PDB file of N, CA and C in Angstrom:
ATOM      1  N   UNK A   1     100.445  98.776  94.116  1.00  0.00           N
ATOM      2  CA  UNK A   1      99.375  99.756  94.224  1.00  0.00           C
ATOM      3  C   UNK A   1      99.435 100.432  95.589  1.00  0.00           C
ATOM      4  N   UNK A   2      98.729 101.518  95.693  1.00  0.00           N
ATOM      5  CA  UNK A   2      98.706 102.261  96.955  1.00  0.00           C
ATOM      6  C   UNK A   2      98.166 101.402  98.100  1.00  0.00           C
ATOM      7  N   UNK A   3      97.115 100.632  97.821  1.00  0.00           N
ATOM      8  CA  UNK A   3      96.526  99.799  98.876  1.00  0.00           C
ATOM      9  C   UNK A   3      97.477  98.676  99.297  1.00  0.00           C
ATOM     10  N   UNK A   4      98.210  98.121  98.345  1.00  0.00           N
ATOM     11  CA  UNK A   4      99.178  97.080  98.688  1.00  0.00           C
ATOM     12  C   UNK A   4     100.323  97.645  99.515  1.00  0.00           C
ATOM     13  N   UNK A   5     100.783  98.835  99.154  1.00  0.00           N
ATOM     14  CA  UNK A   5     101.855  99.459  99.944  1.00  0.00           C
ATOM     15  C   UNK A   5     101.383  99.691 101.373  1.00  0.00           C
ATOM     16  N   UNK A   6     100.139 100.120 101.520  1.00  0.00           N
ATOM     17  CA  UNK A   6      99.593 100.350 102.857  1.00  0.00           C
ATOM     18  C   UNK A   6      99.482  99.027 103.615  1.00  0.00           C
ATOM     19  N   UNK A   7      98.975  97.997 102.935  1.00  0.00           N
ATOM     20  CA  UNK A   7      98.806  96.686 103.555  1.00  0.00           C
ATOM     21  C   UNK A   7     100.136  96.122 104.052  1.00  0.00           C
ATOM     22  N   UNK A   8     101.198  96.302 103.264  1.00  0.00           N
ATOM     23  CA  UNK A   8     102.513  95.768 103.620  1.00  0.00           C
ATOM     24  C   UNK A   8     103.394  96.783 104.340  1.00  0.00           C
ATOM     25  N   UNK A   9     102.797  97.907 104.686  1.00  0.00           N
ATOM     26  CA  UNK A   9     103.481  98.964 105.444  1.00  0.00           C
ATOM     27  C   UNK A   9     104.738  99.465 104.723  1.00  0.00           C
ATOM     28  N   UNK A  10     104.579  99.718 103.430  1.00  0.00           N
ATOM     29  CA  UNK A  10     105.657 100.261 102.611  1.00  0.00           C
ATOM     30  C   UNK A  10     105.315 101.713 102.321  1.00  0.00           C
ATOM     31  N   UNK A  11     106.071 102.634 102.917  1.00  0.00           N
ATOM     32  CA  UNK A  11     105.807 104.056 102.707  1.00  0.00           C
ATOM     33  C   UNK A  11     106.198 104.494 101.302  1.00  0.00           C
ATOM     34  N   UNK A  12     107.348 104.032 100.858  1.00  0.00           N
ATOM     35  CA  UNK A  12     107.824 104.372  99.516  1.00  0.00           C
ATOM     36  C   UNK A  12     108.743 103.268  99.039  1.00  0.00           C
ATOM     37  N   UNK A  13     108.892 103.186  97.733  1.00  0.00           N
ATOM     38  CA  UNK A  13     109.807 102.210  97.166  1.00  0.00           C
ATOM     39  C   UNK A  13     111.227 102.761  97.216  1.00  0.00           C
ATOM     40  N   UNK A  14     112.223 101.883  97.320  1.00  0.00           N
ATOM     41  CA  UNK A  14     113.608 102.354  97.290  1.00  0.00           C
ATOM     42  C   UNK A  14     113.887 103.078  95.975  1.00  0.00           C
ATOM     43  N   UNK A  15     114.678 104.125  96.036  1.00  0.00           N
ATOM     44  CA  UNK A  15     114.952 104.902  94.827  1.00  0.00           C
ATOM     45  C   UNK A  15     116.190 104.415  94.081  1.00  0.00           C
ATOM     46  N   UNK A  16     116.944 103.511  94.693  1.00  0.00           N
ATOM     47  CA  UNK A  16     118.120 102.960  94.014  1.00  0.00           C
ATOM     48  C   UNK A  16     118.480 101.610  94.642  1.00  0.00           C
ATOM     49  N   UNK A  17     119.451 100.957  94.050  1.00  0.00           N
ATOM     50  CA  UNK A  17     119.850  99.631  94.517  1.00  0.00           C
ATOM     51  C   UNK A  17     120.347  99.661  95.956  1.00  0.00           C
ATOM     52  N   UNK A  18     121.110 100.673  96.317  1.00  0.00           N
ATOM     53  CA  UNK A  18     121.654 100.732  97.676  1.00  0.00           C
ATOM     54  C   UNK A  18     120.538 100.818  98.722  1.00  0.00           C
ATOM     55  N   UNK A  19     119.546 101.651  98.455  1.00  0.00           N
ATOM     56  CA  UNK A  19     118.406 101.745  99.379  1.00  0.00           C
ATOM     57  C   UNK A  19     117.689 100.408  99.489  1.00  0.00           C
ATOM     58  N   UNK A  20     117.490  99.740  98.372  1.00  0.00           N
ATOM     59  CA  UNK A  20     116.822  98.436  98.380  1.00  0.00           C
ATOM     60  C   UNK A  20     117.621  97.424  99.191  1.00  0.00           C
ATOM     61  N   UNK A  21     118.931  97.481  99.067  1.00  0.00           N
ATOM     62  CA  UNK A  21     119.779  96.554  99.816  1.00  0.00           C
ATOM     63  C   UNK A  21     119.720  96.813 101.317  1.00  0.00           C
ATOM     64  N   UNK A  22     119.581  98.070 101.709  1.00  0.00           N
ATOM     65  CA  UNK A  22     119.440  98.366 103.142  1.00  0.00           C
ATOM     66  C   UNK A  22     118.163  97.734 103.683  1.00  0.00           C
ATOM     67  N   UNK A  23     117.066  97.843 102.928  1.00  0.00           N
ATOM     68  CA  UNK A  23     115.813  97.205 103.352  1.00  0.00           C
ATOM     69  C   UNK A  23     115.971  95.685 103.381  1.00  0.00           C
ATOM     70  N   UNK A  24     116.619  95.160 102.361  1.00  0.00           N
ATOM     71  CA  UNK A  24     116.814  93.717 102.276  1.00  0.00           C
ATOM     72  C   UNK A  24     117.611  93.205 103.464  1.00  0.00           C
ATOM     73  N   UNK A  25     118.649  93.944 103.835  1.00  0.00           N
ATOM     74  CA  UNK A  25     119.523  93.533 104.934  1.00  0.00           C
ATOM     75  C   UNK A  25     118.736  93.365 106.240  1.00  0.00           C
ATOM     76  N   UNK A  26     117.709  94.166 106.416  1.00  0.00           N
ATOM     77  CA  UNK A  26     116.918  94.127 107.651  1.00  0.00           C
ATOM     78  C   UNK A  26     115.716  93.193 107.568  1.00  0.00           C
ATOM     79  N   UNK A  27     115.552  92.489 106.458  1.00  0.00           N
ATOM     80  CA  UNK A  27     114.363  91.668 106.246  1.00  0.00           C
ATOM     81  C   UNK A  27     114.592  90.217 106.659  1.00  0.00           C
ATOM     82  N   UNK A  28     113.940  89.811 107.732  1.00  0.00           N
ATOM     83  CA  UNK A  28     114.002  88.403 108.130  1.00  0.00           C
ATOM     84  C   UNK A  28     113.325  87.520 107.091  1.00  0.00           C
ATOM     85  N   UNK A  29     112.281  88.035 106.448  1.00  0.00           N
ATOM     86  CA  UNK A  29     111.577  87.263 105.424  1.00  0.00           C
ATOM     87  C   UNK A  29     112.528  86.874 104.294  1.00  0.00           C
ATOM     88  N   UNK A  30     113.306  87.829 103.815  1.00  0.00           N
ATOM     89  CA  UNK A  30     114.238  87.542 102.719  1.00  0.00           C
ATOM     90  C   UNK A  30     115.309  86.563 103.184  1.00  0.00           C
ATOM     91  N   UNK A  31     115.871  86.790 104.364  1.00  0.00           N
ATOM     92  CA  UNK A  31     116.908  85.884 104.884  1.00  0.00           C
ATOM     93  C   UNK A  31     116.364  84.469 105.051  1.00  0.00           C
ATOM     94  N   UNK A  32     115.171  84.357 105.633  1.00  0.00           N
ATOM     95  CA  UNK A  32     114.577  83.039 105.856  1.00  0.00           C
ATOM     96  C   UNK A  32     114.231  82.352 104.538  1.00  0.00           C
ATOM     97  N   UNK A  33     113.790  83.115 103.561  1.00  0.00           N
ATOM     98  CA  UNK A  33     113.409  82.550 102.268  1.00  0.00           C
ATOM     99  C   UNK A  33     114.626  82.079 101.489  1.00  0.00           C
ATOM    100  N   UNK A  34     115.672  82.884 101.480  1.00  0.00           N
ATOM    101  CA  UNK A  34     116.869  82.551 100.701  1.00  0.00           C
ATOM    102  C   UNK A  34     117.800  81.587 101.425  1.00  0.00           C
ATOM    103  N   UNK A  35     117.779  81.610 102.731  1.00  0.00           N
ATOM    104  CA  UNK A  35     118.772  80.879 103.510  1.00  0.00           C
ATOM    105  C   UNK A  35     119.961  81.794 103.750  1.00  0.00           C
ATOM    106  N   UNK A  36     120.646  81.579 104.855  1.00  0.00           N
ATOM    107  CA  UNK A  36     121.722  82.486 105.275  1.00  0.00           C
ATOM    108  C   UNK A  36     122.846  82.587 104.243  1.00  0.00           C
ATOM    109  N   UNK A  37     123.306  81.448 103.739  1.00  0.00           N
ATOM    110  CA  UNK A  37     124.434  81.465 102.801  1.00  0.00           C
ATOM    111  C   UNK A  37     124.069  82.188 101.501  1.00  0.00           C
ATOM    112  N   UNK A  38     122.952  81.815 100.896  1.00  0.00           N
ATOM    113  CA  UNK A  38     122.536  82.449  99.635  1.00  0.00           C
ATOM    114  C   UNK A  38     122.301  83.939  99.841  1.00  0.00           C
ATOM    115  N   UNK A  39     121.710  84.287 100.978  1.00  0.00           N
ATOM    116  CA  UNK A  39     121.464  85.696 101.280  1.00  0.00           C
ATOM    117  C   UNK A  39     122.775  86.474 101.319  1.00  0.00           C
ATOM    118  N   UNK A  40     123.758  85.978 102.048  1.00  0.00           N
ATOM    119  CA  UNK A  40     125.043  86.674 102.183  1.00  0.00           C
ATOM    120  C   UNK A  40     125.764  86.798 100.843  1.00  0.00           C
ATOM    121  N   UNK A  41     125.766  85.727 100.061  1.00  0.00           N
ATOM    122  CA  UNK A  41     126.430  85.759  98.753  1.00  0.00           C
ATOM    123  C   UNK A  41     125.753  86.788  97.852  1.00  0.00           C
ATOM    124  N   UNK A  42     124.424  86.747  97.779  1.00  0.00           N
ATOM    125  CA  UNK A  42     123.678  87.675  96.933  1.00  0.00           C
ATOM    126  C   UNK A  42     123.871  89.114  97.407  1.00  0.00           C
ATOM    127  N   UNK A  43     123.705  89.332  98.699  1.00  0.00           N
ATOM    128  CA  UNK A  43     123.827  90.681  99.262  1.00  0.00           C
ATOM    129  C   UNK A  43     125.215  91.265  98.985  1.00  0.00           C
ATOM    130  N   UNK A  44     126.254  90.503  99.262  1.00  0.00           N
ATOM    131  CA  UNK A  44     127.622  90.994  99.051  1.00  0.00           C
ATOM    132  C   UNK A  44     127.907  91.266  97.578  1.00  0.00           C
ATOM    133  N   UNK A  45     127.389  90.428  96.689  1.00  0.00           N
ATOM    134  CA  UNK A  45     127.574  90.655  95.249  1.00  0.00           C
ATOM    135  C   UNK A  45     126.893  91.947  94.820  1.00  0.00           C
ATOM    136  N   UNK A  46     125.694  92.195  95.330  1.00  0.00           N
ATOM    137  CA  UNK A  46     124.959  93.404  94.955  1.00  0.00           C
ATOM    138  C   UNK A  46     125.586  94.659  95.552  1.00  0.00           C
ATOM    139  N   UNK A  47     126.148  94.564  96.747  1.00  0.00           N
ATOM    140  CA  UNK A  47     126.867  95.708  97.325  1.00  0.00           C
ATOM    141  C   UNK A  47     128.073  96.053  96.454  1.00  0.00           C
ATOM    142  N   UNK A  48     128.820  95.039  96.020  1.00  0.00           N
ATOM    143  CA  UNK A  48     129.960  95.285  95.125  1.00  0.00           C
ATOM    144  C   UNK A  48     129.488  95.914  93.817  1.00  0.00           C
ATOM    145  N   UNK A  49     128.375  95.413  93.287  1.00  0.00           N
ATOM    146  CA  UNK A  49     127.813  95.969  92.054  1.00  0.00           C
ATOM    147  C   UNK A  49     127.458  97.442  92.243  1.00  0.00           C
ATOM    148  N   UNK A  50     126.821  97.763  93.365  1.00  0.00           N
ATOM    149  CA  UNK A  50     126.440  99.150  93.639  1.00  0.00           C
ATOM    150  C   UNK A  50     127.679 100.054  93.745  1.00  0.00           C
ATOM    151  N   UNK A  51     128.694  99.570  94.425  1.00  0.00           N
ATOM    152  CA  UNK A  51     129.922 100.371  94.575  1.00  0.00           C
ATOM    153  C   UNK A  51     130.572 100.646  93.225  1.00  0.00           C
ATOM    154  N   UNK A  52     130.611  99.621  92.363  1.00  0.00           N
ATOM    155  CA  UNK A  52     131.172  99.826  91.019  1.00  0.00           C
ATOM    156  C   UNK A  52     130.323 100.822  90.237  1.00  0.00           C
ATOM    157  N   UNK A  53     129.016 100.655  90.274  1.00  0.00           N
ATOM    158  CA  UNK A  53     128.109 101.539  89.544  1.00  0.00           C
ATOM    159  C   UNK A  53     128.227 102.979  90.035  1.00  0.00           C
ATOM    160  N   UNK A  54     128.223 103.166  91.342  1.00  0.00           N
ATOM    161  CA  UNK A  54     128.199 104.523  91.890  1.00  0.00           C
ATOM    162  C   UNK A  54     129.542 105.243  91.770  1.00  0.00           C
ATOM    163  N   UNK A  55     130.594 104.502  91.452  1.00  0.00           N
ATOM    164  CA  UNK A  55     131.897 105.154  91.297  1.00  0.00           C
ATOM    165  C   UNK A  55     132.173 105.563  89.849  1.00  0.00           C
ATOM    166  N   UNK A  56     131.275 105.223  88.939  1.00  0.00           N
ATOM    167  CA  UNK A  56     131.440 105.539  87.517  1.00  0.00           C
ATOM    168  C   UNK A  56     130.747 106.849  87.160  1.00  0.00           C
ATOM    169  N   UNK A  57     131.241 107.492  86.123  1.00  0.00           N
ATOM    170  CA  UNK A  57     130.545 108.631  85.527  1.00  0.00           C
ATOM    171  C   UNK A  57     129.720 108.060  84.377  1.00  0.00           C
ATOM    172  N   UNK A  58     128.437 108.355  84.376  1.00  0.00           N
ATOM    173  CA  UNK A  58     127.522 107.768  83.398  1.00  0.00           C
ATOM    174  C   UNK A  58     127.180 108.761  82.291  1.00  0.00           C
ATOM    175  N   UNK A  59     126.734 108.225  81.158  1.00  0.00           N
ATOM    176  CA  UNK A  59     126.398 109.056  80.000  1.00  0.00           C
ATOM    177  C   UNK A  59     125.432 110.182  80.356  1.00  0.00           C
ATOM    178  N   UNK A  60     124.429 109.877  81.156  1.00  0.00           N
ATOM    179  CA  UNK A  60     123.447 110.893  81.535  1.00  0.00           C
ATOM    180  C   UNK A  60     124.130 112.070  82.228  1.00  0.00           C
ATOM    181  N   UNK A  61     125.063 111.783  83.113  1.00  0.00           N
ATOM    182  CA  UNK A  61     125.779 112.845  83.819  1.00  0.00           C
ATOM    183  C   UNK A  61     126.607 113.682  82.853  1.00  0.00           C
ATOM    184  N   UNK A  62     127.268 113.025  81.938  1.00  0.00           N
ATOM    185  CA  UNK A  62     128.081 113.746  80.953  1.00  0.00           C
ATOM    186  C   UNK A  62     127.197 114.653  80.104  1.00  0.00           C
ATOM    187  N   UNK A  63     126.106 114.103  79.580  1.00  0.00           N
ATOM    188  CA  UNK A  63     125.205 114.877  78.717  1.00  0.00           C
ATOM    189  C   UNK A  63     124.576 116.055  79.450  1.00  0.00           C
ATOM    190  N   UNK A  64     124.219 115.866  80.702  1.00  0.00           N
ATOM    191  CA  UNK A  64     123.488 116.900  81.427  1.00  0.00           C
ATOM    192  C   UNK A  64     124.366 117.883  82.177  1.00  0.00           C
ATOM    193  N   UNK A  65     125.533 117.473  82.600  1.00  0.00           N
ATOM    194  CA  UNK A  65     126.346 118.368  83.411  1.00  0.00           C
ATOM    195  C   UNK A  65     127.428 119.093  82.624  1.00  0.00           C
ATOM    196  N   UNK A  66     128.002 118.446  81.641  1.00  0.00           N
ATOM    197  CA  UNK A  66     129.089 119.089  80.904  1.00  0.00           C
ATOM    198  C   UNK A  66     128.629 120.344  80.176  1.00  0.00           C
ATOM    199  N   UNK A  67     127.422 120.321  79.645  1.00  0.00           N
ATOM    200  CA  UNK A  67     126.951 121.504  78.923  1.00  0.00           C
ATOM    201  C   UNK A  67     126.538 122.632  79.864  1.00  0.00           C
ATOM    202  N   UNK A  68     126.310 122.322  81.115  1.00  0.00           N
ATOM    203  CA  UNK A  68     125.875 123.338  82.082  1.00  0.00           C
ATOM    204  C   UNK A  68     127.020 123.926  82.901  1.00  0.00           C
ATOM    205  N   UNK A  69     128.144 123.233  82.976  1.00  0.00           N
ATOM    206  CA  UNK A  69     129.222 123.702  83.856  1.00  0.00           C
ATOM    207  C   UNK A  69     130.538 123.771  83.133  1.00  0.00           C
TER     208      UNK A  69
END
């Protein structure tokens, strides 16, 4: 909710996985909660996932761009 975002000083939610990972990387709370090893394994796996995802052409792009260009 708007009040919760204000309380936790969250201006906006991340718009994609990469943005969320940047916030996560800077979060001592997440690192302390997960532990250093689990944090690094999870973070690195999600970065690889993002790179694979962002390098693909997705159905939405094909449907929306091919007919326009």
